[in-house]
Amino acid sequence: MTTIDRETQLASFCSELPVLSRAVDGTALAAVLEDVKRRIEAGADVAAELTRLGIPSASPSREPGYSGALGRRRTWSAAPEYVCPAGLCHRAEHREPGGPMPQCALTSAPLRPGP
């Protein structure tokens, strides 16, 4: 079985965190998600923490990212790319002209312009 590295897992988690937060808002899972965020930021295993939310580990047969289960798919964009401000993961987001600056969902720091 092929494993997905921590950087890739962290990038998927970070990019999907706003969707996950909205999905659990007002439920008992909201407190669990906050604890999961703290533990992942402190270095805990991403896949192990996500199982606490009922999210299966990403695998070669399942697209990384959790939005697929929430009915959202990524699309290509010619907009400028922004990357993890701390260089901890492979997250890359596109910012549409005039749109909001993408932020790291773990630290709330703005993403930095990509290469």
PDB file of N, CA and C in Angstrom:
ATOM      1  N   MET A   1       0.838  -1.175   0.000  1.00  0.00           N
ATOM      2  CA  MET A   1       0.000   0.000   0.000  1.00  0.00           C
ATOM      3  C   MET A   1       0.887   1.244   0.000  1.00  0.00           C
ATOM      4  N   THR A   2       0.583   2.168  -0.859  1.00  0.00           N
ATOM      5  CA  THR A   2       1.326   3.420  -0.939  1.00  0.00           C
ATOM      6  C   THR A   2       0.774   4.393   0.091  1.00  0.00           C
ATOM      7  N   THR A   3       1.695   5.056   0.807  1.00  0.00           N
ATOM      8  CA  THR A   3       1.244   6.044   1.780  1.00  0.00           C
ATOM      9  C   THR A   3       1.417   7.436   1.195  1.00  0.00           C
ATOM     10  N   ILE A   4       0.627   8.358   1.677  1.00  0.00           N
ATOM     11  CA  ILE A   4       0.703   9.742   1.231  1.00  0.00           C
ATOM     12  C   ILE A   4       1.461  10.511   2.297  1.00  0.00           C
ATOM     13  N   ASP A   5       2.469  11.287   1.867  1.00  0.00           N
ATOM     14  CA  ASP A   5       3.334  11.966   2.816  1.00  0.00           C
ATOM     15  C   ASP A   5       2.587  13.030   3.622  1.00  0.00           C
ATOM     16  N   ARG A   6       3.165  13.396   4.758  1.00  0.00           N
ATOM     17  CA  ARG A   6       2.548  14.352   5.680  1.00  0.00           C
ATOM     18  C   ARG A   6       2.292  15.699   5.003  1.00  0.00           C
ATOM     19  N   GLU A   7       3.226  16.172   4.181  1.00  0.00           N
ATOM     20  CA  GLU A   7       3.041  17.467   3.527  1.00  0.00           C
ATOM     21  C   GLU A   7       1.791  17.469   2.651  1.00  0.00           C
ATOM     22  N   THR A   8       1.585  16.400   1.911  1.00  0.00           N
ATOM     23  CA  THR A   8       0.409  16.301   1.049  1.00  0.00           C
ATOM     24  C   THR A   8      -0.864  16.210   1.881  1.00  0.00           C
ATOM     25  N   GLN A   9      -0.824  15.413   2.948  1.00  0.00           N
ATOM     26  CA  GLN A   9      -1.976  15.310   3.838  1.00  0.00           C
ATOM     27  C   GLN A   9      -2.285  16.659   4.485  1.00  0.00           C
ATOM     28  N   LEU A  10      -1.256  17.345   4.936  1.00  0.00           N
ATOM     29  CA  LEU A  10      -1.443  18.647   5.584  1.00  0.00           C
ATOM     30  C   LEU A  10      -1.989  19.671   4.592  1.00  0.00           C
ATOM     31  N   ALA A  11      -1.508  19.641   3.366  1.00  0.00           N
ATOM     32  CA  ALA A  11      -2.008  20.562   2.341  1.00  0.00           C
ATOM     33  C   ALA A  11      -3.493  20.339   2.078  1.00  0.00           C
ATOM     34  N   SER A  12      -3.898  19.072   1.976  1.00  0.00           N
ATOM     35  CA  SER A  12      -5.307  18.763   1.751  1.00  0.00           C
ATOM     36  C   SER A  12      -6.152  19.209   2.930  1.00  0.00           C
ATOM     37  N   PHE A  13      -5.687  18.925   4.136  1.00  0.00           N
ATOM     38  CA  PHE A  13      -6.422  19.320   5.331  1.00  0.00           C
ATOM     39  C   PHE A  13      -6.567  20.836   5.401  1.00  0.00           C
ATOM     40  N   CYS A  14      -5.484  21.546   5.184  1.00  0.00           N
ATOM     41  CA  CYS A  14      -5.501  23.005   5.276  1.00  0.00           C
ATOM     42  C   CYS A  14      -6.446  23.610   4.234  1.00  0.00           C
ATOM     43  N   SER A  15      -6.381  23.120   3.018  1.00  0.00           N
ATOM     44  CA  SER A  15      -7.234  23.695   1.970  1.00  0.00           C
ATOM     45  C   SER A  15      -8.708  23.379   2.180  1.00  0.00           C
ATOM     46  N   GLU A  16      -9.008  22.274   2.831  1.00  0.00           N
ATOM     47  CA  GLU A  16     -10.392  21.866   3.049  1.00  0.00           C
ATOM     48  C   GLU A  16     -10.941  22.309   4.400  1.00  0.00           C
ATOM     49  N   LEU A  17     -10.093  22.850   5.277  1.00  0.00           N
ATOM     50  CA  LEU A  17     -10.521  23.198   6.620  1.00  0.00           C
ATOM     51  C   LEU A  17     -11.701  24.177   6.654  1.00  0.00           C
ATOM     52  N   PRO A  18     -11.749  25.204   5.818  1.00  0.00           N
ATOM     53  CA  PRO A  18     -12.930  26.075   5.857  1.00  0.00           C
ATOM     54  C   PRO A  18     -14.236  25.328   5.544  1.00  0.00           C
ATOM     55  N   VAL A  19     -14.189  24.398   4.595  1.00  0.00           N
ATOM     56  CA  VAL A  19     -15.376  23.611   4.253  1.00  0.00           C
ATOM     57  C   VAL A  19     -15.743  22.694   5.413  1.00  0.00           C
ATOM     58  N   LEU A  20     -14.737  22.054   6.007  1.00  0.00           N
ATOM     59  CA  LEU A  20     -14.991  21.179   7.147  1.00  0.00           C
ATOM     60  C   LEU A  20     -15.572  21.974   8.318  1.00  0.00           C
ATOM     61  N   SER A  21     -15.019  23.167   8.559  1.00  0.00           N
ATOM     62  CA  SER A  21     -15.510  23.998   9.662  1.00  0.00           C
ATOM     63  C   SER A  21     -16.983  24.342   9.474  1.00  0.00           C
ATOM     64  N   ARG A  22     -17.340  24.719   8.251  1.00  0.00           N
ATOM     65  CA  ARG A  22     -18.751  25.040   7.985  1.00  0.00           C
ATOM     66  C   ARG A  22     -19.633  23.797   8.135  1.00  0.00           C
ATOM     67  N   ALA A  23     -19.119  22.646   7.730  1.00  0.00           N
ATOM     68  CA  ALA A  23     -19.906  21.415   7.787  1.00  0.00           C
ATOM     69  C   ALA A  23     -20.204  20.986   9.224  1.00  0.00           C
ATOM     70  N   VAL A  24     -19.288  21.259  10.154  1.00  0.00           N
ATOM     71  CA  VAL A  24     -19.492  20.823  11.545  1.00  0.00           C
ATOM     72  C   VAL A  24     -19.971  21.949  12.453  1.00  0.00           C
ATOM     73  N   ASP A  25     -20.075  23.161  11.941  1.00  0.00           N
ATOM     74  CA  ASP A  25     -20.498  24.296  12.754  1.00  0.00           C
ATOM     75  C   ASP A  25     -21.828  24.003  13.447  1.00  0.00           C
ATOM     76  N   GLY A  26     -21.863  24.241  14.749  1.00  0.00           N
ATOM     77  CA  GLY A  26     -23.088  24.030  15.512  1.00  0.00           C
ATOM     78  C   GLY A  26     -23.330  22.589  15.927  1.00  0.00           C
ATOM     79  N   THR A  27     -22.367  21.705  15.652  1.00  0.00           N
ATOM     80  CA  THR A  27     -22.517  20.303  16.046  1.00  0.00           C
ATOM     81  C   THR A  27     -21.454  19.955  17.081  1.00  0.00           C
ATOM     82  N   ALA A  28     -21.572  18.781  17.660  1.00  0.00           N
ATOM     83  CA  ALA A  28     -20.585  18.319  18.637  1.00  0.00           C
ATOM     84  C   ALA A  28     -19.211  18.141  17.998  1.00  0.00           C
ATOM     85  N   LEU A  29     -19.178  17.944  16.675  1.00  0.00           N
ATOM     86  CA  LEU A  29     -17.890  17.761  15.998  1.00  0.00           C
ATOM     87  C   LEU A  29     -17.091  19.058  15.903  1.00  0.00           C
ATOM     88  N   ALA A  30     -17.719  20.208  16.136  1.00  0.00           N
ATOM     89  CA  ALA A  30     -16.994  21.477  16.065  1.00  0.00           C
ATOM     90  C   ALA A  30     -15.864  21.512  17.095  1.00  0.00           C
ATOM     91  N   ALA A  31     -16.122  21.053  18.298  1.00  0.00           N
ATOM     92  CA  ALA A  31     -15.080  21.020  19.342  1.00  0.00           C
ATOM     93  C   ALA A  31     -14.006  19.996  18.995  1.00  0.00           C
ATOM     94  N   VAL A  32     -14.418  18.879  18.420  1.00  0.00           N
ATOM     95  CA  VAL A  32     -13.453  17.859  18.004  1.00  0.00           C
ATOM     96  C   VAL A  32     -12.551  18.439  16.917  1.00  0.00           C
ATOM     97  N   LEU A  33     -13.127  19.153  15.948  1.00  0.00           N
ATOM     98  CA  LEU A  33     -12.333  19.750  14.879  1.00  0.00           C
ATOM     99  C   LEU A  33     -11.323  20.743  15.442  1.00  0.00           C
ATOM    100  N   GLU A  34     -11.708  21.545  16.408  1.00  0.00           N
ATOM    101  CA  GLU A  34     -10.766  22.499  17.012  1.00  0.00           C
ATOM    102  C   GLU A  34      -9.608  21.762  17.673  1.00  0.00           C
ATOM    103  N   ASP A  35      -9.897  20.663  18.361  1.00  0.00           N
ATOM    104  CA  ASP A  35      -8.835  19.877  18.990  1.00  0.00           C
ATOM    105  C   ASP A  35      -7.951  19.224  17.928  1.00  0.00           C
ATOM    106  N   VAL A  36      -8.562  18.728  16.864  1.00  0.00           N
ATOM    107  CA  VAL A  36      -7.809  18.127  15.756  1.00  0.00           C
ATOM    108  C   VAL A  36      -6.855  19.173  15.161  1.00  0.00           C
ATOM    109  N   LYS A  37      -7.350  20.395  14.930  1.00  0.00           N
ATOM    110  CA  LYS A  37      -6.505  21.463  14.380  1.00  0.00           C
ATOM    111  C   LYS A  37      -5.298  21.727  15.288  1.00  0.00           C
ATOM    112  N   ARG A  38      -5.540  21.845  16.580  1.00  0.00           N
ATOM    113  CA  ARG A  38      -4.439  22.100  17.528  1.00  0.00           C
ATOM    114  C   ARG A  38      -3.416  20.980  17.500  1.00  0.00           C
ATOM    115  N   ARG A  39      -3.906  19.743  17.486  1.00  0.00           N
ATOM    116  CA  ARG A  39      -2.991  18.607  17.519  1.00  0.00           C
ATOM    117  C   ARG A  39      -2.183  18.487  16.217  1.00  0.00           C
ATOM    118  N   ILE A  40      -2.834  18.725  15.074  1.00  0.00           N
ATOM    119  CA  ILE A  40      -2.117  18.660  13.800  1.00  0.00           C
ATOM    120  C   ILE A  40      -1.079  19.773  13.734  1.00  0.00           C
ATOM    121  N   GLU A  41      -1.434  20.969  14.165  1.00  0.00           N
ATOM    122  CA  GLU A  41      -0.473  22.072  14.160  1.00  0.00           C
ATOM    123  C   GLU A  41       0.725  21.764  15.052  1.00  0.00           C
ATOM    124  N   ALA A  42       0.497  21.004  16.127  1.00  0.00           N
ATOM    125  CA  ALA A  42       1.572  20.625  17.048  1.00  0.00           C
ATOM    126  C   ALA A  42       2.388  19.436  16.541  1.00  0.00           C
ATOM    127  N   GLY A  43       1.988  18.862  15.387  1.00  0.00           N
ATOM    128  CA  GLY A  43       2.783  17.795  14.788  1.00  0.00           C
ATOM    129  C   GLY A  43       2.147  16.422  14.791  1.00  0.00           C
ATOM    130  N   ALA A  44       0.909  16.300  15.267  1.00  0.00           N
ATOM    131  CA  ALA A  44       0.242  14.998  15.286  1.00  0.00           C
ATOM    132  C   ALA A  44       0.025  14.478  13.864  1.00  0.00           C
ATOM    133  N   ASP A  45      -0.117  13.174  13.757  1.00  0.00           N
ATOM    134  CA  ASP A  45      -0.353  12.524  12.476  1.00  0.00           C
ATOM    135  C   ASP A  45      -1.698  12.968  11.905  1.00  0.00           C
ATOM    136  N   VAL A  46      -1.684  13.498  10.694  1.00  0.00           N
ATOM    137  CA  VAL A  46      -2.888  14.049  10.071  1.00  0.00           C
ATOM    138  C   VAL A  46      -3.949  12.964   9.896  1.00  0.00           C
ATOM    139  N   ALA A  47      -3.593  11.849   9.302  1.00  0.00           N
ATOM    140  CA  ALA A  47      -4.562  10.785   9.026  1.00  0.00           C
ATOM    141  C   ALA A  47      -5.186  10.262  10.313  1.00  0.00           C
ATOM    142  N   ALA A  48      -4.380  10.073  11.347  1.00  0.00           N
ATOM    143  CA  ALA A  48      -4.909   9.566  12.616  1.00  0.00           C
ATOM    144  C   ALA A  48      -5.895  10.550  13.229  1.00  0.00           C
ATOM    145  N   GLU A  49      -5.591  11.827  13.157  1.00  0.00           N
ATOM    146  CA  GLU A  49      -6.487  12.844  13.720  1.00  0.00           C
ATOM    147  C   GLU A  49      -7.794  12.920  12.932  1.00  0.00           C
ATOM    148  N   LEU A  50      -7.724  12.787  11.630  1.00  0.00           N
ATOM    149  CA  LEU A  50      -8.928  12.893  10.812  1.00  0.00           C
ATOM    150  C   LEU A  50      -9.902  11.752  11.058  1.00  0.00           C
ATOM    151  N   THR A  51      -9.400  10.613  11.484  1.00  0.00           N
ATOM    152  CA  THR A  51     -10.311   9.505  11.785  1.00  0.00           C
ATOM    153  C   THR A  51     -11.234   9.877  12.942  1.00  0.00           C
ATOM    154  N   ARG A  52     -10.804  10.797  13.807  1.00  0.00           N
ATOM    155  CA  ARG A  52     -11.657  11.262  14.909  1.00  0.00           C
ATOM    156  C   ARG A  52     -12.887  11.998  14.387  1.00  0.00           C
ATOM    157  N   LEU A  53     -12.790  12.508  13.153  1.00  0.00           N
ATOM    158  CA  LEU A  53     -13.911  13.217  12.529  1.00  0.00           C
ATOM    159  C   LEU A  53     -14.695  12.318  11.575  1.00  0.00           C
ATOM    160  N   GLY A  54     -14.274  11.062  11.478  1.00  0.00           N
ATOM    161  CA  GLY A  54     -14.938  10.140  10.567  1.00  0.00           C
ATOM    162  C   GLY A  54     -14.475  10.267   9.137  1.00  0.00           C
ATOM    163  N   ILE A  55     -13.307  10.889   8.924  1.00  0.00           N
ATOM    164  CA  ILE A  55     -12.766  11.083   7.578  1.00  0.00           C
ATOM    165  C   ILE A  55     -11.724  10.003   7.321  1.00  0.00           C
ATOM    166  N   PRO A  56     -11.920   9.176   6.295  1.00  0.00           N
ATOM    167  CA  PRO A  56     -10.946   8.122   6.006  1.00  0.00           C
ATOM    168  C   PRO A  56      -9.646   8.708   5.469  1.00  0.00           C
ATOM    169  N   SER A  57      -8.570   7.966   5.655  1.00  0.00           N
ATOM    170  CA  SER A  57      -7.274   8.389   5.141  1.00  0.00           C
ATOM    171  C   SER A  57      -7.308   8.451   3.623  1.00  0.00           C
ATOM    172  N   ALA A  58      -6.583   9.423   3.062  1.00  0.00           N
ATOM    173  CA  ALA A  58      -6.423   9.485   1.614  1.00  0.00           C
ATOM    174  C   ALA A  58      -5.629   8.256   1.182  1.00  0.00           C
ATOM    175  N   SER A  59      -5.913   7.779  -0.001  1.00  0.00           N
ATOM    176  CA  SER A  59      -5.201   6.615  -0.517  1.00  0.00           C
ATOM    177  C   SER A  59      -5.019   6.785  -2.015  1.00  0.00           C
ATOM    178  N   PRO A  60      -4.171   5.954  -2.616  1.00  0.00           N
ATOM    179  CA  PRO A  60      -3.980   6.053  -4.068  1.00  0.00           C
ATOM    180  C   PRO A  60      -5.271   5.869  -4.854  1.00  0.00           C
ATOM    181  N   SER A  61      -6.257   5.164  -4.276  1.00  0.00           N
ATOM    182  CA  SER A  61      -7.509   4.940  -4.993  1.00  0.00           C
ATOM    183  C   SER A  61      -8.544   6.025  -4.709  1.00  0.00           C
ATOM    184  N   ARG A  62      -8.238   6.928  -3.788  1.00  0.00           N
ATOM    185  CA  ARG A  62      -9.164   8.009  -3.452  1.00  0.00           C
ATOM    186  C   ARG A  62      -8.410   9.321  -3.571  1.00  0.00           C
ATOM    187  N   GLU A  63      -8.999  10.269  -4.262  1.00  0.00           N
ATOM    188  CA  GLU A  63      -8.383  11.575  -4.456  1.00  0.00           C
ATOM    189  C   GLU A  63      -8.094  12.226  -3.111  1.00  0.00           C
ATOM    190  N   PRO A  64      -6.859  12.744  -2.882  1.00  0.00           N
ATOM    191  CA  PRO A  64      -6.613  13.438  -1.633  1.00  0.00           C
ATOM    192  C   PRO A  64      -7.508  14.667  -1.549  1.00  0.00           C
ATOM    193  N   GLY A  65      -7.792  15.077  -0.369  1.00  0.00           N
ATOM    194  CA  GLY A  65      -8.721  16.185  -0.169  1.00  0.00           C
ATOM    195  C   GLY A  65     -10.033  15.611   0.303  1.00  0.00           C
ATOM    196  N   TYR A  66     -10.743  16.377   1.081  1.00  0.00           N
ATOM    197  CA  TYR A  66     -11.933  15.865   1.729  1.00  0.00           C
ATOM    198  C   TYR A  66     -13.197  16.426   1.110  1.00  0.00           C
ATOM    199  N   SER A  67     -13.061  17.378   0.176  1.00  0.00           N
ATOM    200  CA  SER A  67     -14.229  18.026  -0.388  1.00  0.00           C
ATOM    201  C   SER A  67     -15.009  17.105  -1.314  1.00  0.00           C
ATOM    202  N   GLY A  68     -14.386  16.077  -1.845  1.00  0.00           N
ATOM    203  CA  GLY A  68     -15.109  15.151  -2.699  1.00  0.00           C
ATOM    204  C   GLY A  68     -16.295  14.561  -1.963  1.00  0.00           C
ATOM    205  N   ALA A  69     -16.097  14.246  -0.691  1.00  0.00           N
ATOM    206  CA  ALA A  69     -17.183  13.705   0.119  1.00  0.00           C
ATOM    207  C   ALA A  69     -18.238  14.762   0.393  1.00  0.00           C
ATOM    208  N   LEU A  70     -17.870  16.031   0.277  1.00  0.00           N
ATOM    209  CA  LEU A  70     -18.803  17.117   0.524  1.00  0.00           C
ATOM    210  C   LEU A  70     -19.389  17.662  -0.777  1.00  0.00           C
ATOM    211  N   GLY A  71     -19.097  17.010  -1.909  1.00  0.00           N
ATOM    212  CA  GLY A  71     -19.687  17.397  -3.181  1.00  0.00           C
ATOM    213  C   GLY A  71     -18.981  18.540  -3.884  1.00  0.00           C
ATOM    214  N   ARG A  72     -17.741  18.812  -3.553  1.00  0.00           N
ATOM    215  CA  ARG A  72     -17.010  19.912  -4.170  1.00  0.00           C
ATOM    216  C   ARG A  72     -15.824  19.350  -4.942  1.00  0.00           C
ATOM    217  N   ARG A  73     -15.584  19.846  -6.132  1.00  0.00           N
ATOM    218  CA  ARG A  73     -14.451  19.414  -6.941  1.00  0.00           C
ATOM    219  C   ARG A  73     -13.593  20.616  -7.276  1.00  0.00           C
ATOM    220  N   ARG A  74     -12.299  20.388  -7.374  1.00  0.00           N
ATOM    221  CA  ARG A  74     -11.376  21.457  -7.742  1.00  0.00           C
ATOM    222  C   ARG A  74     -11.416  21.664  -9.253  1.00  0.00           C
ATOM    223  N   THR A  75     -11.169  22.902  -9.669  1.00  0.00           N
ATOM    224  CA  THR A  75     -11.078  23.217 -11.082  1.00  0.00           C
ATOM    225  C   THR A  75      -9.790  23.980 -11.337  1.00  0.00           C
ATOM    226  N   TRP A  76      -9.331  23.969 -12.584  1.00  0.00           N
ATOM    227  CA  TRP A  76      -8.125  24.677 -12.946  1.00  0.00           C
ATOM    228  C   TRP A  76      -8.414  26.168 -13.041  1.00  0.00           C
ATOM    229  N   SER A  77      -7.402  26.997 -12.702  1.00  0.00           N
ATOM    230  CA  SER A  77      -7.562  28.448 -12.783  1.00  0.00           C
ATOM    231  C   SER A  77      -6.264  29.064 -13.279  1.00  0.00           C
ATOM    232  N   ALA A  78      -6.385  30.111 -14.104  1.00  0.00           N
ATOM    233  CA  ALA A  78      -5.193  30.837 -14.577  1.00  0.00           C
ATOM    234  C   ALA A  78      -4.792  31.926 -13.597  1.00  0.00           C
ATOM    235  N   ALA A  79      -5.500  32.064 -12.495  1.00  0.00           N
ATOM    236  CA  ALA A  79      -5.209  33.090 -11.492  1.00  0.00           C
ATOM    237  C   ALA A  79      -3.866  32.809 -10.818  1.00  0.00           C
ATOM    238  N   PRO A  80      -3.238  33.845 -10.233  1.00  0.00           N
ATOM    239  CA  PRO A  80      -1.956  33.652  -9.547  1.00  0.00           C
ATOM    240  C   PRO A  80      -2.070  32.600  -8.438  1.00  0.00           C
ATOM    241  N   GLU A  81      -0.965  31.899  -8.220  1.00  0.00           N
ATOM    242  CA  GLU A  81      -0.937  30.836  -7.224  1.00  0.00           C
ATOM    243  C   GLU A  81      -0.256  31.316  -5.945  1.00  0.00           C
ATOM    244  N   TYR A  82      -0.794  30.890  -4.823  1.00  0.00           N
ATOM    245  CA  TYR A  82      -0.241  31.206  -3.510  1.00  0.00           C
ATOM    246  C   TYR A  82       0.018  29.903  -2.782  1.00  0.00           C
ATOM    247  N   VAL A  83       1.079  29.883  -1.961  1.00  0.00           N
ATOM    248  CA  VAL A  83       1.507  28.650  -1.315  1.00  0.00           C
ATOM    249  C   VAL A  83       1.616  28.824   0.197  1.00  0.00           C
ATOM    250  N   CYS A  84       1.830  27.715   0.883  1.00  0.00           N
ATOM    251  CA  CYS A  84       1.935  27.683   2.346  1.00  0.00           C
ATOM    252  C   CYS A  84       2.951  28.722   2.823  1.00  0.00           C
ATOM    253  N   PRO A  85       2.549  29.591   3.757  1.00  0.00           N
ATOM    254  CA  PRO A  85       3.452  30.653   4.206  1.00  0.00           C
ATOM    255  C   PRO A  85       4.661  30.135   4.976  1.00  0.00           C
ATOM    256  N   ALA A  86       4.541  28.973   5.593  1.00  0.00           N
ATOM    257  CA  ALA A  86       5.651  28.425   6.370  1.00  0.00           C
ATOM    258  C   ALA A  86       6.401  27.332   5.622  1.00  0.00           C
ATOM    259  N   GLY A  87       5.935  26.987   4.425  1.00  0.00           N
ATOM    260  CA  GLY A  87       6.591  25.927   3.659  1.00  0.00           C
ATOM    261  C   GLY A  87       6.433  24.553   4.287  1.00  0.00           C
ATOM    262  N   LEU A  88       5.368  24.362   5.067  1.00  0.00           N
ATOM    263  CA  LEU A  88       5.156  23.085   5.742  1.00  0.00           C
ATOM    264  C   LEU A  88       4.463  22.052   4.875  1.00  0.00           C
ATOM    265  N   CYS A  89       3.751  22.529   3.855  1.00  0.00           N
ATOM    266  CA  CYS A  89       2.986  21.591   3.039  1.00  0.00           C
ATOM    267  C   CYS A  89       2.998  22.033   1.578  1.00  0.00           C
ATOM    268  N   HIS A  90       2.367  21.231   0.740  1.00  0.00           N
ATOM    269  CA  HIS A  90       2.326  21.478  -0.699  1.00  0.00           C
ATOM    270  C   HIS A  90       1.103  22.264  -1.126  1.00  0.00           C
ATOM    271  N   ARG A  91       0.368  22.825  -0.182  1.00  0.00           N
ATOM    272  CA  ARG A  91      -0.872  23.525  -0.547  1.00  0.00           C
ATOM    273  C   ARG A  91      -0.578  24.651  -1.519  1.00  0.00           C
ATOM    274  N   ALA A  92      -1.402  24.756  -2.534  1.00  0.00           N
ATOM    275  CA  ALA A  92      -1.322  25.844  -3.507  1.00  0.00           C
ATOM    276  C   ALA A  92      -2.748  26.255  -3.837  1.00  0.00           C
ATOM    277  N   GLU A  93      -3.034  27.528  -3.741  1.00  0.00           N
ATOM    278  CA  GLU A  93      -4.362  28.063  -4.018  1.00  0.00           C
ATOM    279  C   GLU A  93      -4.252  29.155  -5.061  1.00  0.00           C
ATOM    280  N   HIS A  94      -5.301  29.313  -5.833  1.00  0.00           N
ATOM    281  CA  HIS A  94      -5.359  30.382  -6.823  1.00  0.00           C
ATOM    282  C   HIS A  94      -6.219  31.506  -6.273  1.00  0.00           C
ATOM    283  N   ARG A  95      -5.774  32.726  -6.495  1.00  0.00           N
ATOM    284  CA  ARG A  95      -6.526  33.903  -6.068  1.00  0.00           C
ATOM    285  C   ARG A  95      -7.026  34.621  -7.307  1.00  0.00           C
ATOM    286  N   GLU A  96      -8.321  34.697  -7.428  1.00  0.00           N
ATOM    287  CA  GLU A  96      -8.898  35.422  -8.548  1.00  0.00           C
ATOM    288  C   GLU A  96      -8.619  36.907  -8.371  1.00  0.00           C
ATOM    289  N   PRO A  97      -8.384  37.653  -9.449  1.00  0.00           N
ATOM    290  CA  PRO A  97      -8.120  39.089  -9.331  1.00  0.00           C
ATOM    291  C   PRO A  97      -9.213  39.783  -8.515  1.00  0.00           C
ATOM    292  N   GLY A  98      -8.781  40.520  -7.495  1.00  0.00           N
ATOM    293  CA  GLY A  98      -9.705  41.232  -6.620  1.00  0.00           C
ATOM    294  C   GLY A  98     -10.329  40.366  -5.549  1.00  0.00           C
ATOM    295  N   GLY A  99     -10.039  39.073  -5.579  1.00  0.00           N
ATOM    296  CA  GLY A  99     -10.608  38.159  -4.587  1.00  0.00           C
ATOM    297  C   GLY A  99      -9.844  38.214  -3.278  1.00  0.00           C
ATOM    298  N   PRO A 100     -10.363  37.554  -2.264  1.00  0.00           N
ATOM    299  CA  PRO A 100      -9.695  37.563  -0.964  1.00  0.00           C
ATOM    300  C   PRO A 100      -8.365  36.814  -1.015  1.00  0.00           C
ATOM    301  N   MET A 101      -7.439  37.234  -0.174  1.00  0.00           N
ATOM    302  CA  MET A 101      -6.136  36.569  -0.073  1.00  0.00           C
ATOM    303  C   MET A 101      -6.340  35.217   0.611  1.00  0.00           C
ATOM    304  N   PRO A 102      -5.874  34.133  -0.001  1.00  0.00           N
ATOM    305  CA  PRO A 102      -5.991  32.830   0.658  1.00  0.00           C
ATOM    306  C   PRO A 102      -5.186  32.830   1.959  1.00  0.00           C
ATOM    307  N   GLN A 103      -5.682  32.112   2.949  1.00  0.00           N
ATOM    308  CA  GLN A 103      -5.012  32.049   4.235  1.00  0.00           C
ATOM    309  C   GLN A 103      -4.781  30.610   4.647  1.00  0.00           C
ATOM    310  N   CYS A 104      -3.753  30.434   5.473  1.00  0.00           N
ATOM    311  CA  CYS A 104      -3.493  29.135   6.081  1.00  0.00           C
ATOM    312  C   CYS A 104      -4.594  28.902   7.103  1.00  0.00           C
ATOM    313  N   ALA A 105      -5.292  27.804   6.977  1.00  0.00           N
ATOM    314  CA  ALA A 105      -6.394  27.531   7.888  1.00  0.00           C
ATOM    315  C   ALA A 105      -5.911  27.148   9.277  1.00  0.00           C
ATOM    316  N   LEU A 106      -4.676  26.681   9.398  1.00  0.00           N
ATOM    317  CA  LEU A 106      -4.154  26.325  10.718  1.00  0.00           C
ATOM    318  C   LEU A 106      -3.686  27.549  11.491  1.00  0.00           C
ATOM    319  N   THR A 107      -2.956  28.432  10.814  1.00  0.00           N
ATOM    320  CA  THR A 107      -2.336  29.560  11.524  1.00  0.00           C
ATOM    321  C   THR A 107      -3.004  30.897  11.240  1.00  0.00           C
ATOM    322  N   SER A 108      -3.883  30.954  10.270  1.00  0.00           N
ATOM    323  CA  SER A 108      -4.555  32.178   9.805  1.00  0.00           C
ATOM    324  C   SER A 108      -3.608  33.164   9.121  1.00  0.00           C
ATOM    325  N   ALA A 109      -2.390  32.763   8.852  1.00  0.00           N
ATOM    326  CA  ALA A 109      -1.438  33.617   8.115  1.00  0.00           C
ATOM    327  C   ALA A 109      -1.793  33.590   6.636  1.00  0.00           C
ATOM    328  N   PRO A 110      -1.623  34.722   5.929  1.00  0.00           N
ATOM    329  CA  PRO A 110      -1.901  34.710   4.493  1.00  0.00           C
ATOM    330  C   PRO A 110      -0.916  33.820   3.749  1.00  0.00           C
ATOM    331  N   LEU A 111      -1.387  33.150   2.705  1.00  0.00           N
ATOM    332  CA  LEU A 111      -0.478  32.377   1.869  1.00  0.00           C
ATOM    333  C   LEU A 111       0.438  33.348   1.146  1.00  0.00           C
ATOM    334  N   ARG A 112       1.606  32.877   0.753  1.00  0.00           N
ATOM    335  CA  ARG A 112       2.569  33.742   0.058  1.00  0.00           C
ATOM    336  C   ARG A 112       2.538  33.432  -1.431  1.00  0.00           C
ATOM    337  N   PRO A 113       2.909  34.435  -2.255  1.00  0.00           N
ATOM    338  CA  PRO A 113       2.930  34.191  -3.700  1.00  0.00           C
ATOM    339  C   PRO A 113       3.830  33.011  -4.040  1.00  0.00           C
ATOM    340  N   GLY A 114       3.352  32.192  -4.936  1.00  0.00           N
ATOM    341  CA  GLY A 114       4.114  31.016  -5.350  1.00  0.00           C
ATOM    342  C   GLY A 114       5.161  31.352  -6.372  1.00  0.00           C
ATOM    343  N   PRO A 115       5.956  30.341  -6.699  1.00  0.00           N
ATOM    344  CA  PRO A 115       7.044  30.558  -7.673  1.00  0.00           C
ATOM    345  C   PRO A 115       6.543  30.859  -9.063  1.00  0.00           C
TER     346      PRO A 115
END
